[in-house]
N, C-alpha and C. Protein backbone atom coordinates (compact mmCIF):
# COMPACT_ATOMS: atom_id res chain seq x y z
N MET A 1 30.36 -183.20 6.58
CA MET A 1 29.98 -184.56 6.92
C MET A 1 30.80 -185.04 8.12
N LYS A 2 30.12 -185.69 9.02
CA LYS A 2 30.78 -186.31 10.17
C LYS A 2 30.40 -187.78 10.16
N LYS A 3 31.41 -188.64 10.08
CA LYS A 3 31.12 -190.08 10.00
C LYS A 3 32.16 -190.87 10.77
N ILE A 4 31.70 -191.93 11.41
CA ILE A 4 32.60 -192.82 12.14
C ILE A 4 32.40 -194.24 11.61
N TYR A 5 33.50 -194.81 11.13
CA TYR A 5 33.54 -196.22 10.75
C TYR A 5 34.08 -196.96 11.96
N HIS A 6 33.28 -197.85 12.51
CA HIS A 6 33.66 -198.52 13.76
C HIS A 6 33.19 -199.96 13.73
N LEU A 7 33.55 -200.67 14.78
CA LEU A 7 33.10 -202.03 14.98
C LEU A 7 32.36 -202.05 16.31
N SER A 8 31.08 -202.38 16.29
CA SER A 8 30.26 -202.29 17.50
C SER A 8 30.70 -203.26 18.60
N THR A 9 31.44 -204.29 18.23
CA THR A 9 31.91 -205.25 19.24
C THR A 9 33.30 -204.91 19.76
N CYS A 10 33.90 -203.84 19.26
CA CYS A 10 35.25 -203.45 19.65
C CYS A 10 35.20 -202.56 20.89
N ASP A 11 35.85 -203.00 21.96
CA ASP A 11 35.84 -202.24 23.21
C ASP A 11 36.49 -200.87 23.06
N ALA A 12 37.57 -200.80 22.29
CA ALA A 12 38.24 -199.50 22.09
C ALA A 12 37.31 -198.53 21.35
N CYS A 13 36.62 -199.02 20.34
CA CYS A 13 35.68 -198.17 19.60
C CYS A 13 34.56 -197.67 20.52
N LYS A 14 34.02 -198.58 21.33
CA LYS A 14 32.95 -198.20 22.26
C LYS A 14 33.42 -197.12 23.22
N ARG A 15 34.63 -197.31 23.77
CA ARG A 15 35.19 -196.35 24.72
C ARG A 15 35.39 -194.98 24.08
N ILE A 16 35.95 -194.98 22.89
CA ILE A 16 36.22 -193.72 22.19
C ILE A 16 34.93 -192.99 21.84
N ILE A 17 33.95 -193.71 21.33
CA ILE A 17 32.67 -193.10 20.98
C ILE A 17 32.02 -192.47 22.21
N LYS A 18 32.12 -193.16 23.33
CA LYS A 18 31.56 -192.63 24.58
C LYS A 18 32.32 -191.36 25.01
N GLU A 19 33.66 -191.41 24.95
CA GLU A 19 34.49 -190.27 25.36
C GLU A 19 34.26 -189.04 24.50
N LEU A 20 33.92 -189.23 23.23
CA LEU A 20 33.80 -188.11 22.30
C LEU A 20 32.54 -187.27 22.51
N ASN A 21 31.56 -187.80 23.26
CA ASN A 21 30.34 -187.04 23.50
C ASN A 21 29.81 -186.48 22.18
N LEU A 22 29.48 -187.39 21.27
CA LEU A 22 29.17 -187.04 19.89
C LEU A 22 27.91 -186.19 19.73
N PRO A 23 28.00 -185.21 18.83
CA PRO A 23 26.80 -184.46 18.48
C PRO A 23 25.86 -185.36 17.67
N GLY A 24 24.62 -184.97 17.54
CA GLY A 24 23.61 -185.80 16.89
C GLY A 24 23.76 -185.96 15.39
N ASP A 25 24.62 -185.18 14.75
CA ASP A 25 24.73 -185.23 13.29
C ASP A 25 25.83 -186.16 12.79
N VAL A 26 26.36 -187.01 13.67
CA VAL A 26 27.42 -187.94 13.29
C VAL A 26 26.78 -189.23 12.77
N VAL A 27 27.19 -189.64 11.57
CA VAL A 27 26.71 -190.89 10.98
C VAL A 27 27.64 -192.01 11.44
N MET A 28 27.04 -193.07 11.96
CA MET A 28 27.81 -194.22 12.43
C MET A 28 27.65 -195.37 11.44
N GLN A 29 28.77 -196.02 11.11
CA GLN A 29 28.71 -197.19 10.25
C GLN A 29 29.48 -198.33 10.90
N ASP A 30 28.74 -199.36 11.30
CA ASP A 30 29.36 -200.57 11.85
C ASP A 30 29.89 -201.37 10.67
N ILE A 31 31.21 -201.47 10.57
CA ILE A 31 31.83 -202.08 9.39
C ILE A 31 31.62 -203.59 9.29
N LYS A 32 31.13 -204.19 10.36
CA LYS A 32 30.83 -205.63 10.29
C LYS A 32 29.47 -205.85 9.63
N THR A 33 28.49 -205.05 9.98
CA THR A 33 27.14 -205.23 9.43
C THR A 33 26.96 -204.48 8.11
N THR A 34 27.71 -203.40 7.91
CA THR A 34 27.67 -202.63 6.67
C THR A 34 29.11 -202.42 6.21
N PRO A 35 29.62 -203.37 5.43
CA PRO A 35 31.03 -203.28 5.02
C PRO A 35 31.36 -201.99 4.28
N VAL A 36 32.61 -201.60 4.40
CA VAL A 36 33.11 -200.43 3.69
C VAL A 36 33.07 -200.71 2.19
N THR A 37 32.55 -199.76 1.43
CA THR A 37 32.50 -199.92 -0.02
C THR A 37 33.80 -199.42 -0.65
N SER A 38 33.99 -199.77 -1.89
CA SER A 38 35.16 -199.32 -2.62
C SER A 38 35.21 -197.79 -2.68
N ASP A 39 34.06 -197.16 -2.91
CA ASP A 39 34.00 -195.69 -2.97
C ASP A 39 34.34 -195.06 -1.62
N GLN A 40 33.83 -195.65 -0.54
CA GLN A 40 34.15 -195.14 0.80
C GLN A 40 35.64 -195.26 1.08
N LEU A 41 36.22 -196.39 0.70
CA LEU A 41 37.65 -196.59 0.92
C LEU A 41 38.47 -195.60 0.10
N GLU A 42 38.03 -195.34 -1.12
CA GLU A 42 38.73 -194.35 -1.95
C GLU A 42 38.69 -192.97 -1.30
N ALA A 43 37.54 -192.60 -0.74
CA ALA A 43 37.42 -191.31 -0.07
C ALA A 43 38.34 -191.23 1.15
N MET A 44 38.43 -192.33 1.90
CA MET A 44 39.34 -192.38 3.06
C MET A 44 40.78 -192.24 2.61
N LYS A 45 41.13 -192.95 1.53
CA LYS A 45 42.51 -192.91 1.03
C LYS A 45 42.87 -191.51 0.56
N LYS A 46 41.92 -190.84 -0.07
CA LYS A 46 42.15 -189.48 -0.55
C LYS A 46 42.51 -188.55 0.61
N LEU A 47 41.85 -188.75 1.75
CA LEU A 47 42.12 -187.92 2.93
C LEU A 47 43.38 -188.34 3.67
N SER A 48 43.65 -189.64 3.71
CA SER A 48 44.78 -190.14 4.50
C SER A 48 46.09 -190.22 3.71
N GLY A 49 45.99 -190.32 2.39
CA GLY A 49 47.19 -190.38 1.57
C GLY A 49 47.57 -191.77 1.10
N THR A 50 47.34 -192.79 1.94
CA THR A 50 47.71 -194.16 1.56
C THR A 50 46.70 -195.16 2.11
N TYR A 51 46.63 -196.31 1.45
CA TYR A 51 45.82 -197.41 1.99
C TYR A 51 46.51 -198.00 3.21
N GLU A 52 47.84 -197.98 3.21
CA GLU A 52 48.58 -198.56 4.33
C GLU A 52 48.24 -197.86 5.64
N SER A 53 48.00 -196.55 5.59
CA SER A 53 47.66 -195.81 6.81
C SER A 53 46.31 -196.25 7.38
N LEU A 54 45.48 -196.86 6.55
CA LEU A 54 44.16 -197.35 6.96
C LEU A 54 44.18 -198.82 7.35
N PHE A 55 45.29 -199.47 7.13
CA PHE A 55 45.40 -200.92 7.30
C PHE A 55 45.87 -201.28 8.71
N SER A 56 45.16 -202.22 9.33
CA SER A 56 45.51 -202.67 10.68
C SER A 56 46.44 -203.87 10.63
N LYS A 57 47.65 -203.65 11.10
CA LYS A 57 48.61 -204.75 11.19
C LYS A 57 48.45 -205.51 12.50
N ARG A 58 47.47 -205.11 13.29
CA ARG A 58 47.18 -205.81 14.55
C ARG A 58 46.03 -206.81 14.39
N ALA A 59 45.45 -206.86 13.20
CA ALA A 59 44.33 -207.77 12.96
C ALA A 59 44.80 -209.22 13.08
N ARG A 60 43.94 -210.04 13.66
CA ARG A 60 44.25 -211.46 13.83
C ARG A 60 44.58 -212.11 12.49
N LEU A 61 43.82 -211.77 11.46
CA LEU A 61 44.04 -212.36 10.14
C LEU A 61 45.39 -211.97 9.54
N TYR A 62 45.92 -210.83 9.95
CA TYR A 62 47.24 -210.39 9.46
C TYR A 62 48.30 -211.41 9.86
N LYS A 63 48.20 -211.88 11.11
CA LYS A 63 49.14 -212.88 11.60
C LYS A 63 48.83 -214.26 11.00
N GLU A 64 47.54 -214.63 10.98
CA GLU A 64 47.13 -215.94 10.48
C GLU A 64 47.52 -216.16 9.02
N LYS A 65 47.43 -215.13 8.21
CA LYS A 65 47.75 -215.25 6.78
C LYS A 65 49.24 -215.05 6.51
N GLY A 66 50.01 -214.80 7.57
CA GLY A 66 51.45 -214.62 7.39
C GLY A 66 51.81 -213.39 6.58
N LEU A 67 51.01 -212.35 6.68
CA LEU A 67 51.22 -211.16 5.86
C LEU A 67 52.44 -210.35 6.30
N LYS A 68 52.87 -210.54 7.54
CA LYS A 68 54.04 -209.81 8.03
C LYS A 68 55.29 -210.18 7.21
N GLU A 69 55.33 -211.41 6.75
CA GLU A 69 56.48 -211.88 5.99
C GLU A 69 56.42 -211.48 4.52
N LYS A 70 55.28 -210.92 4.08
CA LYS A 70 55.12 -210.57 2.67
C LYS A 70 55.37 -209.08 2.47
N ASP A 71 55.80 -208.75 1.27
CA ASP A 71 56.04 -207.36 0.90
C ASP A 71 54.75 -206.83 0.26
N LEU A 72 53.91 -206.19 1.08
CA LEU A 72 52.61 -205.74 0.60
C LEU A 72 52.70 -204.33 0.00
N GLY A 73 51.97 -204.13 -1.10
CA GLY A 73 51.90 -202.82 -1.73
C GLY A 73 50.53 -202.20 -1.50
N GLU A 74 50.35 -201.00 -2.02
CA GLU A 74 49.09 -200.27 -1.83
C GLU A 74 47.88 -201.06 -2.32
N ASN A 75 48.00 -201.73 -3.47
CA ASN A 75 46.87 -202.51 -3.99
C ASN A 75 46.54 -203.68 -3.07
N ASP A 76 47.57 -204.26 -2.44
CA ASP A 76 47.34 -205.35 -1.48
C ASP A 76 46.56 -204.84 -0.27
N PHE A 77 47.00 -203.70 0.27
CA PHE A 77 46.32 -203.12 1.44
C PHE A 77 44.85 -202.84 1.10
N ARG A 78 44.61 -202.27 -0.07
CA ARG A 78 43.25 -201.95 -0.51
C ARG A 78 42.41 -203.22 -0.60
N SER A 79 42.95 -204.25 -1.25
CA SER A 79 42.22 -205.51 -1.43
C SER A 79 41.88 -206.17 -0.10
N PHE A 80 42.85 -206.20 0.82
CA PHE A 80 42.59 -206.84 2.12
C PHE A 80 41.53 -206.08 2.92
N ILE A 81 41.58 -204.74 2.89
CA ILE A 81 40.58 -203.95 3.63
C ILE A 81 39.19 -204.23 3.07
N LEU A 82 39.07 -204.32 1.76
CA LEU A 82 37.76 -204.59 1.15
C LEU A 82 37.33 -206.04 1.36
N GLU A 83 38.30 -206.94 1.50
CA GLU A 83 38.00 -208.36 1.67
C GLU A 83 37.43 -208.66 3.06
N HIS A 84 37.99 -208.03 4.11
CA HIS A 84 37.54 -208.34 5.47
C HIS A 84 37.64 -207.12 6.37
N TYR A 85 36.57 -206.85 7.10
CA TYR A 85 36.48 -205.63 7.91
C TYR A 85 37.58 -205.49 8.95
N THR A 86 38.14 -206.59 9.44
CA THR A 86 39.14 -206.48 10.49
C THR A 86 40.45 -205.83 10.02
N PHE A 87 40.63 -205.73 8.70
CA PHE A 87 41.85 -205.11 8.19
C PHE A 87 41.79 -203.58 8.21
N LEU A 88 40.62 -203.01 8.47
CA LEU A 88 40.53 -201.56 8.57
C LEU A 88 40.91 -201.13 9.99
N LYS A 89 41.91 -200.28 10.09
CA LYS A 89 42.30 -199.75 11.40
C LYS A 89 41.11 -198.93 11.90
N ARG A 90 40.76 -199.09 13.15
CA ARG A 90 39.55 -198.43 13.62
C ARG A 90 39.72 -197.78 14.98
N PRO A 91 38.85 -196.84 15.24
CA PRO A 91 37.85 -196.29 14.32
C PRO A 91 38.49 -195.36 13.30
N VAL A 92 37.77 -195.16 12.20
CA VAL A 92 38.12 -194.13 11.24
C VAL A 92 37.05 -193.06 11.37
N ILE A 93 37.48 -191.87 11.67
CA ILE A 93 36.54 -190.76 11.90
C ILE A 93 36.82 -189.68 10.86
N ILE A 94 35.77 -189.31 10.15
CA ILE A 94 35.88 -188.25 9.14
C ILE A 94 35.02 -187.08 9.59
N ILE A 95 35.65 -185.93 9.66
CA ILE A 95 34.93 -184.71 9.99
C ILE A 95 35.27 -183.71 8.88
N ASP A 96 34.29 -183.46 8.03
CA ASP A 96 34.47 -182.60 6.86
C ASP A 96 35.65 -183.11 6.02
N ASP A 97 36.75 -182.37 5.94
CA ASP A 97 37.88 -182.81 5.12
C ASP A 97 39.05 -183.33 5.95
N GLN A 98 38.78 -183.70 7.20
CA GLN A 98 39.81 -184.24 8.08
C GLN A 98 39.52 -185.71 8.38
N ILE A 99 40.60 -186.50 8.47
CA ILE A 99 40.43 -187.91 8.81
C ILE A 99 41.28 -188.23 10.03
N PHE A 100 40.72 -189.03 10.91
CA PHE A 100 41.40 -189.46 12.13
C PHE A 100 41.34 -190.98 12.15
N ILE A 101 42.51 -191.62 12.27
CA ILE A 101 42.58 -193.07 12.14
C ILE A 101 43.19 -193.68 13.39
N GLY A 102 42.49 -194.67 13.95
CA GLY A 102 43.05 -195.41 15.07
C GLY A 102 42.51 -194.98 16.42
N ASN A 103 43.05 -195.64 17.45
CA ASN A 103 42.47 -195.46 18.78
C ASN A 103 43.46 -194.91 19.81
N SER A 104 44.51 -194.25 19.35
CA SER A 104 45.45 -193.68 20.31
C SER A 104 44.82 -192.50 21.04
N LYS A 105 45.34 -192.21 22.21
CA LYS A 105 44.83 -191.08 23.00
C LYS A 105 45.01 -189.77 22.24
N LYS A 106 46.12 -189.64 21.52
CA LYS A 106 46.41 -188.43 20.75
C LYS A 106 45.34 -188.21 19.67
N VAL A 107 44.98 -189.28 18.96
CA VAL A 107 43.96 -189.19 17.91
C VAL A 107 42.60 -188.86 18.52
N THR A 108 42.26 -189.54 19.61
CA THR A 108 40.98 -189.30 20.27
C THR A 108 40.88 -187.85 20.74
N GLN A 109 41.94 -187.33 21.31
CA GLN A 109 41.95 -185.94 21.78
C GLN A 109 41.80 -184.97 20.62
N ALA A 110 42.46 -185.25 19.50
CA ALA A 110 42.37 -184.39 18.33
C ALA A 110 40.92 -184.34 17.81
N VAL A 111 40.26 -185.50 17.78
CA VAL A 111 38.86 -185.55 17.34
C VAL A 111 37.99 -184.75 18.31
N PHE A 112 38.19 -184.94 19.59
CA PHE A 112 37.41 -184.22 20.61
C PHE A 112 37.56 -182.72 20.41
N ASN A 113 38.79 -182.26 20.16
CA ASN A 113 39.05 -180.84 19.99
C ASN A 113 38.35 -180.27 18.76
N VAL A 114 38.23 -181.07 17.71
CA VAL A 114 37.52 -180.61 16.50
C VAL A 114 36.02 -180.59 16.75
N LEU A 115 35.51 -181.60 17.43
CA LEU A 115 34.05 -181.68 17.69
C LEU A 115 33.58 -180.68 18.73
N HIS A 116 34.47 -180.35 19.68
CA HIS A 116 34.09 -179.47 20.80
C HIS A 116 35.13 -178.34 20.94
N PRO A 117 35.13 -177.41 19.98
CA PRO A 117 36.15 -176.33 20.01
C PRO A 117 35.97 -175.39 21.20
């Protein structure tokens, strides 16, 4: 399975998707119009190891809710990601049993190398 969880209005997501020169068998899910389900989040967590690794501390709501000052646990990260799409670090790219999280050049290059060996 090849799947990308992204935000269609996110410039970084758009740039990365364009750079990856995606094959036709990649399933795209815009997390704003089709929110991540609990089962999908569980599958991501299984691959990544923690909910925190999937959580975006750069989200506007993270600052607005004062979450930086709180001691958040795994259940908190899970709840916030399911509550609002902006808490999911993006894009999240799953290729078979590998997960790639975020928009760094290193992550983008790693995905490209897997898609285009």
